[in-house]
Each structure stands twice: as C-alpha cells, then as structure tokens.
Amino acid sequence: MRDIPISGRMFYSPDEIAGFLGVHRSTVDRWSREGKLIAPEKVGSRVLYSVADFEAWAANPSKKAA
C-alpha cells in the first residue's frame, strides 16, 4: 500500500481503503455514501481518502463518520 501525497497532504485510494478493511471497493463506496465510513475527497478527477481522517476513523470506527 502506498500513500498519495498531494499539496502536502497524504491520501489513500479507495482500493487501499478496501484492502485495509478487507472488503470490496464497492463496499467502501457504499459505506462512504451511507456515512459508515469517512467521506472521500475529490482531488482533480480522483476520489481519495485523507490518511489522517481514515486513521482517526479507524481508531474509533464505532463513532459515526462526519
């Protein structure tokens, strides 16, 4: 897995998030839409997840995502 640096911030791809969670990418997309996972950010034409936001969520996944 690799972090994607953009403008001094680090991001994960949806596939990386799926790998961390052991689920299919479509599950990551659905959980994001349903508020069960952090919301992705649109960076140019890419949909990415902030490393800091994901790590905070992963530390307490039972807390509702913002």
PDB file of N, CA and C in Angstrom:
ATOM      1  N   MET A   1       0.845  -1.171   0.000  1.00  0.00           N
ATOM      2  CA  MET A   1       0.000   0.000   0.000  1.00  0.00           C
ATOM      3  C   MET A   1       0.895   1.241   0.000  1.00  0.00           C
ATOM      4  N   ARG A   2       0.388   2.280  -0.599  1.00  0.00           N
ATOM      5  CA  ARG A   2       1.187   3.499  -0.633  1.00  0.00           C
ATOM      6  C   ARG A   2       0.294   4.704  -0.414  1.00  0.00           C
ATOM      7  N   ASP A   3       0.862   5.697   0.249  1.00  0.00           N
ATOM      8  CA  ASP A   3       0.155   6.961   0.433  1.00  0.00           C
ATOM      9  C   ASP A   3       0.358   7.803  -0.817  1.00  0.00           C
ATOM     10  N   ILE A   4      -0.630   8.638  -1.133  1.00  0.00           N
ATOM     11  CA  ILE A   4      -0.541   9.519  -2.285  1.00  0.00           C
ATOM     12  C   ILE A   4      -0.406  10.954  -1.768  1.00  0.00           C
ATOM     13  N   PRO A   5       0.768  11.580  -1.946  1.00  0.00           N
ATOM     14  CA  PRO A   5       0.930  12.951  -1.458  1.00  0.00           C
ATOM     15  C   PRO A   5       0.396  13.972  -2.466  1.00  0.00           C
ATOM     16  N   ILE A   6      -0.450  14.880  -1.989  1.00  0.00           N
ATOM     17  CA  ILE A   6      -0.974  15.956  -2.824  1.00  0.00           C
ATOM     18  C   ILE A   6      -1.041  17.209  -1.966  1.00  0.00           C
ATOM     19  N   SER A   7      -0.363  18.245  -2.396  1.00  0.00           N
ATOM     20  CA  SER A   7      -0.367  19.535  -1.695  1.00  0.00           C
ATOM     21  C   SER A   7      -0.050  19.385  -0.207  1.00  0.00           C
ATOM     22  N   GLY A   8       0.936  18.563   0.099  1.00  0.00           N
ATOM     23  CA  GLY A   8       1.366  18.406   1.484  1.00  0.00           C
ATOM     24  C   GLY A   8       0.469  17.511   2.331  1.00  0.00           C
ATOM     25  N   ARG A   9      -0.589  16.988   1.765  1.00  0.00           N
ATOM     26  CA  ARG A   9      -1.478  16.075   2.479  1.00  0.00           C
ATOM     27  C   ARG A   9      -1.328  14.685   1.880  1.00  0.00           C
ATOM     28  N   MET A  10      -1.611  13.689   2.693  1.00  0.00           N
ATOM     29  CA  MET A  10      -1.484  12.315   2.245  1.00  0.00           C
ATOM     30  C   MET A  10      -2.875  11.698   2.086  1.00  0.00           C
ATOM     31  N   PHE A  11      -3.014  10.881   1.043  1.00  0.00           N
ATOM     32  CA  PHE A  11      -4.299  10.264   0.728  1.00  0.00           C
ATOM     33  C   PHE A  11      -4.118   8.788   0.433  1.00  0.00           C
ATOM     34  N   TYR A  12      -5.213   8.034   0.653  1.00  0.00           N
ATOM     35  CA  TYR A  12      -5.302   6.639   0.239  1.00  0.00           C
ATOM     36  C   TYR A  12      -6.308   6.553  -0.903  1.00  0.00           C
ATOM     37  N   SER A  13      -6.095   5.615  -1.798  1.00  0.00           N
ATOM     38  CA  SER A  13      -7.069   5.349  -2.853  1.00  0.00           C
ATOM     39  C   SER A  13      -8.204   4.497  -2.274  1.00  0.00           C
ATOM     40  N   PRO A  14      -9.346   4.452  -2.940  1.00  0.00           N
ATOM     41  CA  PRO A  14     -10.424   3.568  -2.484  1.00  0.00           C
ATOM     42  C   PRO A  14      -9.993   2.099  -2.425  1.00  0.00           C
ATOM     43  N   ASP A  15      -9.151   1.675  -3.347  1.00  0.00           N
ATOM     44  CA  ASP A  15      -8.662   0.292  -3.327  1.00  0.00           C
ATOM     45  C   ASP A  15      -7.804   0.022  -2.091  1.00  0.00           C
ATOM     46  N   GLU A  16      -7.012   1.000  -1.686  1.00  0.00           N
ATOM     47  CA  GLU A  16      -6.206   0.831  -0.473  1.00  0.00           C
ATOM     48  C   GLU A  16      -7.095   0.726   0.757  1.00  0.00           C
ATOM     49  N   ILE A  17      -8.114   1.574   0.833  1.00  0.00           N
ATOM     50  CA  ILE A  17      -9.049   1.522   1.961  1.00  0.00           C
ATOM     51  C   ILE A  17      -9.723   0.150   1.996  1.00  0.00           C
ATOM     52  N   ALA A  18     -10.146  -0.336   0.837  1.00  0.00           N
ATOM     53  CA  ALA A  18     -10.772  -1.661   0.760  1.00  0.00           C
ATOM     54  C   ALA A  18      -9.807  -2.736   1.272  1.00  0.00           C
ATOM     55  N   GLY A  19      -8.541  -2.623   0.899  1.00  0.00           N
ATOM     56  CA  GLY A  19      -7.540  -3.589   1.358  1.00  0.00           C
ATOM     57  C   GLY A  19      -7.351  -3.548   2.859  1.00  0.00           C
ATOM     58  N   PHE A  20      -7.306  -2.357   3.429  1.00  0.00           N
ATOM     59  CA  PHE A  20      -7.158  -2.220   4.883  1.00  0.00           C
ATOM     60  C   PHE A  20      -8.334  -2.871   5.611  1.00  0.00           C
ATOM     61  N   LEU A  21      -9.528  -2.682   5.070  1.00  0.00           N
ATOM     62  CA  LEU A  21     -10.739  -3.153   5.736  1.00  0.00           C
ATOM     63  C   LEU A  21     -11.119  -4.584   5.358  1.00  0.00           C
ATOM     64  N   GLY A  22     -10.462  -5.125   4.332  1.00  0.00           N
ATOM     65  CA  GLY A  22     -10.750  -6.488   3.908  1.00  0.00           C
ATOM     66  C   GLY A  22     -12.111  -6.634   3.239  1.00  0.00           C
ATOM     67  N   VAL A  23     -12.500  -5.581   2.504  1.00  0.00           N
ATOM     68  CA  VAL A  23     -13.790  -5.597   1.799  1.00  0.00           C
ATOM     69  C   VAL A  23     -13.565  -5.205   0.344  1.00  0.00           C
ATOM     70  N   HIS A  24     -14.587  -5.363  -0.479  1.00  0.00           N
ATOM     71  CA  HIS A  24     -14.519  -4.983  -1.884  1.00  0.00           C
ATOM     72  C   HIS A  24     -14.628  -3.459  -2.003  1.00  0.00           C
ATOM     73  N   ARG A  25     -14.059  -2.923  -3.055  1.00  0.00           N
ATOM     74  CA  ARG A  25     -14.111  -1.478  -3.268  1.00  0.00           C
ATOM     75  C   ARG A  25     -15.549  -0.950  -3.314  1.00  0.00           C
ATOM     76  N   SER A  26     -16.470  -1.711  -3.884  1.00  0.00           N
ATOM     77  CA  SER A  26     -17.857  -1.242  -3.939  1.00  0.00           C
ATOM     78  C   SER A  26     -18.446  -1.093  -2.536  1.00  0.00           C
ATOM     79  N   THR A  27     -17.971  -1.902  -1.587  1.00  0.00           N
ATOM     80  CA  THR A  27     -18.412  -1.774  -0.200  1.00  0.00           C
ATOM     81  C   THR A  27     -17.902  -0.468   0.392  1.00  0.00           C
ATOM     82  N   VAL A  28     -16.668  -0.113   0.084  1.00  0.00           N
ATOM     83  CA  VAL A  28     -16.104   1.158   0.546  1.00  0.00           C
ATOM     84  C   VAL A  28     -16.943   2.317   0.002  1.00  0.00           C
ATOM     85  N   ASP A  29     -17.274   2.273  -1.278  1.00  0.00           N
ATOM     86  CA  ASP A  29     -18.093   3.327  -1.886  1.00  0.00           C
ATOM     87  C   ASP A  29     -19.450   3.416  -1.192  1.00  0.00           C
ATOM     88  N   ARG A  30     -20.083   2.276  -0.959  1.00  0.00           N
ATOM     89  CA  ARG A  30     -21.401   2.257  -0.326  1.00  0.00           C
ATOM     90  C   ARG A  30     -21.330   2.758   1.111  1.00  0.00           C
ATOM     91  N   TRP A  31     -20.357   2.278   1.875  1.00  0.00           N
ATOM     92  CA  TRP A  31     -20.221   2.714   3.271  1.00  0.00           C
ATOM     93  C   TRP A  31     -19.975   4.224   3.348  1.00  0.00           C
ATOM     94  N   SER A  32     -19.215   4.766   2.401  1.00  0.00           N
ATOM     95  CA  SER A  32     -18.986   6.218   2.384  1.00  0.00           C
ATOM     96  C   SER A  32     -20.293   6.964   2.143  1.00  0.00           C
ATOM     97  N   ARG A  33     -21.076   6.501   1.180  1.00  0.00           N
ATOM     98  CA  ARG A  33     -22.375   7.136   0.890  1.00  0.00           C
ATOM     99  C   ARG A  33     -23.325   7.047   2.081  1.00  0.00           C
ATOM    100  N   GLU A  34     -23.281   5.925   2.794  1.00  0.00           N
ATOM    101  CA  GLU A  34     -24.180   5.698   3.921  1.00  0.00           C
ATOM    102  C   GLU A  34     -23.696   6.353   5.214  1.00  0.00           C
ATOM    103  N   GLY A  35     -22.506   6.943   5.210  1.00  0.00           N
ATOM    104  CA  GLY A  35     -21.978   7.584   6.410  1.00  0.00           C
ATOM    105  C   GLY A  35     -21.340   6.629   7.404  1.00  0.00           C
ATOM    106  N   LYS A  36     -21.108   5.389   6.989  1.00  0.00           N
ATOM    107  CA  LYS A  36     -20.465   4.409   7.863  1.00  0.00           C
ATOM    108  C   LYS A  36     -18.948   4.530   7.825  1.00  0.00           C
ATOM    109  N   LEU A  37     -18.447   5.263   6.871  1.00  0.00           N
ATOM    110  CA  LEU A  37     -17.014   5.448   6.656  1.00  0.00           C
ATOM    111  C   LEU A  37     -16.809   6.922   6.356  1.00  0.00           C
ATOM    112  N   ILE A  38     -15.597   7.393   6.504  1.00  0.00           N
ATOM    113  CA  ILE A  38     -15.325   8.797   6.196  1.00  0.00           C
ATOM    114  C   ILE A  38     -15.675   9.112   4.746  1.00  0.00           C
ATOM    115  N   ALA A  39     -15.990  10.350   4.502  1.00  0.00           N
ATOM    116  CA  ALA A  39     -16.304  10.789   3.142  1.00  0.00           C
ATOM    117  C   ALA A  39     -15.008  10.962   2.351  1.00  0.00           C
ATOM    118  N   PRO A  40     -15.009  10.555   1.101  1.00  0.00           N
ATOM    119  CA  PRO A  40     -13.824  10.765   0.266  1.00  0.00           C
ATOM    120  C   PRO A  40     -13.748  12.220  -0.172  1.00  0.00           C
ATOM    121  N   GLU A  41     -12.596  12.592  -0.683  1.00  0.00           N
ATOM    122  CA  GLU A  41     -12.394  13.936  -1.227  1.00  0.00           C
ATOM    123  C   GLU A  41     -12.126  13.811  -2.721  1.00  0.00           C
ATOM    124  N   LYS A  42     -12.654  14.735  -3.468  1.00  0.00           N
ATOM    125  CA  LYS A  42     -12.397  14.781  -4.916  1.00  0.00           C
ATOM    126  C   LYS A  42     -11.132  15.615  -5.102  1.00  0.00           C
ATOM    127  N   VAL A  43     -10.106  15.011  -5.653  1.00  0.00           N
ATOM    128  CA  VAL A  43      -8.826  15.682  -5.907  1.00  0.00           C
ATOM    129  C   VAL A  43      -8.589  15.581  -7.407  1.00  0.00           C
ATOM    130  N   GLY A  44      -8.898  16.664  -8.112  1.00  0.00           N
ATOM    131  CA  GLY A  44      -8.873  16.607  -9.570  1.00  0.00           C
ATOM    132  C   GLY A  44      -9.950  15.643 -10.026  1.00  0.00           C
ATOM    133  N   SER A  45      -9.574  14.647 -10.787  1.00  0.00           N
ATOM    134  CA  SER A  45     -10.544  13.658 -11.246  1.00  0.00           C
ATOM    135  C   SER A  45     -10.545  12.405 -10.365  1.00  0.00           C
ATOM    136  N   ARG A  46      -9.723  12.419  -9.314  1.00  0.00           N
ATOM    137  CA  ARG A  46      -9.586  11.244  -8.455  1.00  0.00           C
ATOM    138  C   ARG A  46     -10.433  11.370  -7.193  1.00  0.00           C
ATOM    139  N   VAL A  47     -10.934  10.262  -6.724  1.00  0.00           N
ATOM    140  CA  VAL A  47     -11.633  10.192  -5.444  1.00  0.00           C
ATOM    141  C   VAL A  47     -10.661   9.542  -4.471  1.00  0.00           C
ATOM    142  N   LEU A  48     -10.306  10.266  -3.400  1.00  0.00           N
ATOM    143  CA  LEU A  48      -9.294   9.795  -2.460  1.00  0.00           C
ATOM    144  C   LEU A  48      -9.765   9.993  -1.024  1.00  0.00           C
ATOM    145  N   TYR A  49      -9.114   9.283  -0.113  1.00  0.00           N
ATOM    146  CA  TYR A  49      -9.426   9.360   1.308  1.00  0.00           C
ATOM    147  C   TYR A  49      -8.220   9.911   2.065  1.00  0.00           C
ATOM    148  N   SER A  50      -8.446  10.914   2.883  1.00  0.00           N
ATOM    149  CA  SER A  50      -7.383  11.504   3.687  1.00  0.00           C
ATOM    150  C   SER A  50      -6.824  10.453   4.639  1.00  0.00           C
ATOM    151  N   VAL A  51      -5.500  10.320   4.664  1.00  0.00           N
ATOM    152  CA  VAL A  51      -4.845   9.377   5.575  1.00  0.00           C
ATOM    153  C   VAL A  51      -5.177   9.750   7.015  1.00  0.00           C
ATOM    154  N   ALA A  52      -5.077  11.032   7.367  1.00  0.00           N
ATOM    155  CA  ALA A  52      -5.345  11.475   8.739  1.00  0.00           C
ATOM    156  C   ALA A  52      -6.788  11.175   9.138  1.00  0.00           C
ATOM    157  N   ASP A  53      -7.737  11.457   8.247  1.00  0.00           N
ATOM    158  CA  ASP A  53      -9.144  11.190   8.552  1.00  0.00           C
ATOM    159  C   ASP A  53      -9.408   9.695   8.687  1.00  0.00           C
ATOM    160  N   PHE A  54      -8.813   8.901   7.812  1.00  0.00           N
ATOM    161  CA  PHE A  54      -9.021   7.452   7.887  1.00  0.00           C
ATOM    162  C   PHE A  54      -8.428   6.891   9.165  1.00  0.00           C
ATOM    163  N   GLU A  55      -7.230   7.319   9.528  1.00  0.00           N
ATOM    164  CA  GLU A  55      -6.599   6.803  10.745  1.00  0.00           C
ATOM    165  C   GLU A  55      -7.393   7.189  11.980  1.00  0.00           C
ATOM    166  N   ALA A  56      -7.945   8.413  12.006  1.00  0.00           N
ATOM    167  CA  ALA A  56      -8.788   8.829  13.130  1.00  0.00           C
ATOM    168  C   ALA A  56     -10.049   7.975  13.192  1.00  0.00           C
ATOM    169  N   TRP A  57     -10.663   7.722  12.039  1.00  0.00           N
ATOM    170  CA  TRP A  57     -11.855   6.884  11.993  1.00  0.00           C
ATOM    171  C   TRP A  57     -11.510   5.457  12.422  1.00  0.00           C
ATOM    172  N   ALA A  58     -10.394   4.932  11.933  1.00  0.00           N
ATOM    173  CA  ALA A  58     -10.010   3.547  12.233  1.00  0.00           C
ATOM    174  C   ALA A  58      -9.738   3.352  13.722  1.00  0.00           C
ATOM    175  N   ALA A  59      -9.303   4.407  14.401  1.00  0.00           N
ATOM    176  CA  ALA A  59      -9.051   4.323  15.835  1.00  0.00           C
ATOM    177  C   ALA A  59     -10.357   4.183  16.618  1.00  0.00           C
ATOM    178  N   ASN A  60     -11.461   4.632  16.024  1.00  0.00           N
ATOM    179  CA  ASN A  60     -12.762   4.554  16.694  1.00  0.00           C
ATOM    180  C   ASN A  60     -13.857   4.397  15.648  1.00  0.00           C
ATOM    181  N   PRO A  61     -13.922   3.255  14.957  1.00  0.00           N
ATOM    182  CA  PRO A  61     -14.880   3.086  13.861  1.00  0.00           C
ATOM    183  C   PRO A  61     -16.338   3.070  14.301  1.00  0.00           C
ATOM    184  N   SER A  62     -16.609   2.861  15.578  1.00  0.00           N
ATOM    185  CA  SER A  62     -18.000   2.850  16.026  1.00  0.00           C
ATOM    186  C   SER A  62     -18.580   4.264  16.089  1.00  0.00           C
ATOM    187  N   LYS A  63     -17.697   5.252  16.104  1.00  0.00           N
ATOM    188  CA  LYS A  63     -18.134   6.643  16.087  1.00  0.00           C
ATOM    189  C   LYS A  63     -18.639   6.966  14.687  1.00  0.00           C
ATOM    190  N   LYS A  64     -19.785   7.619  14.573  1.00  0.00           N
ATOM    191  CA  LYS A  64     -20.372   7.944  13.267  1.00  0.00           C
ATOM    192  C   LYS A  64     -19.411   8.842  12.486  1.00  0.00           C
ATOM    193  N   ALA A  65     -19.215   8.529  11.222  1.00  0.00           N
ATOM    194  CA  ALA A  65     -18.354   9.336  10.350  1.00  0.00           C
ATOM    195  C   ALA A  65     -19.017  10.674  10.098  1.00  0.00           C
ATOM    196  N   ALA A  66     -18.193  11.703   9.918  1.00  0.00           N
ATOM    197  CA  ALA A  66     -18.721  13.046   9.666  1.00  0.00           C
ATOM    198  C   ALA A  66     -19.149  13.203   8.240  1.00  0.00           C
TER     199      ALA A  66
END
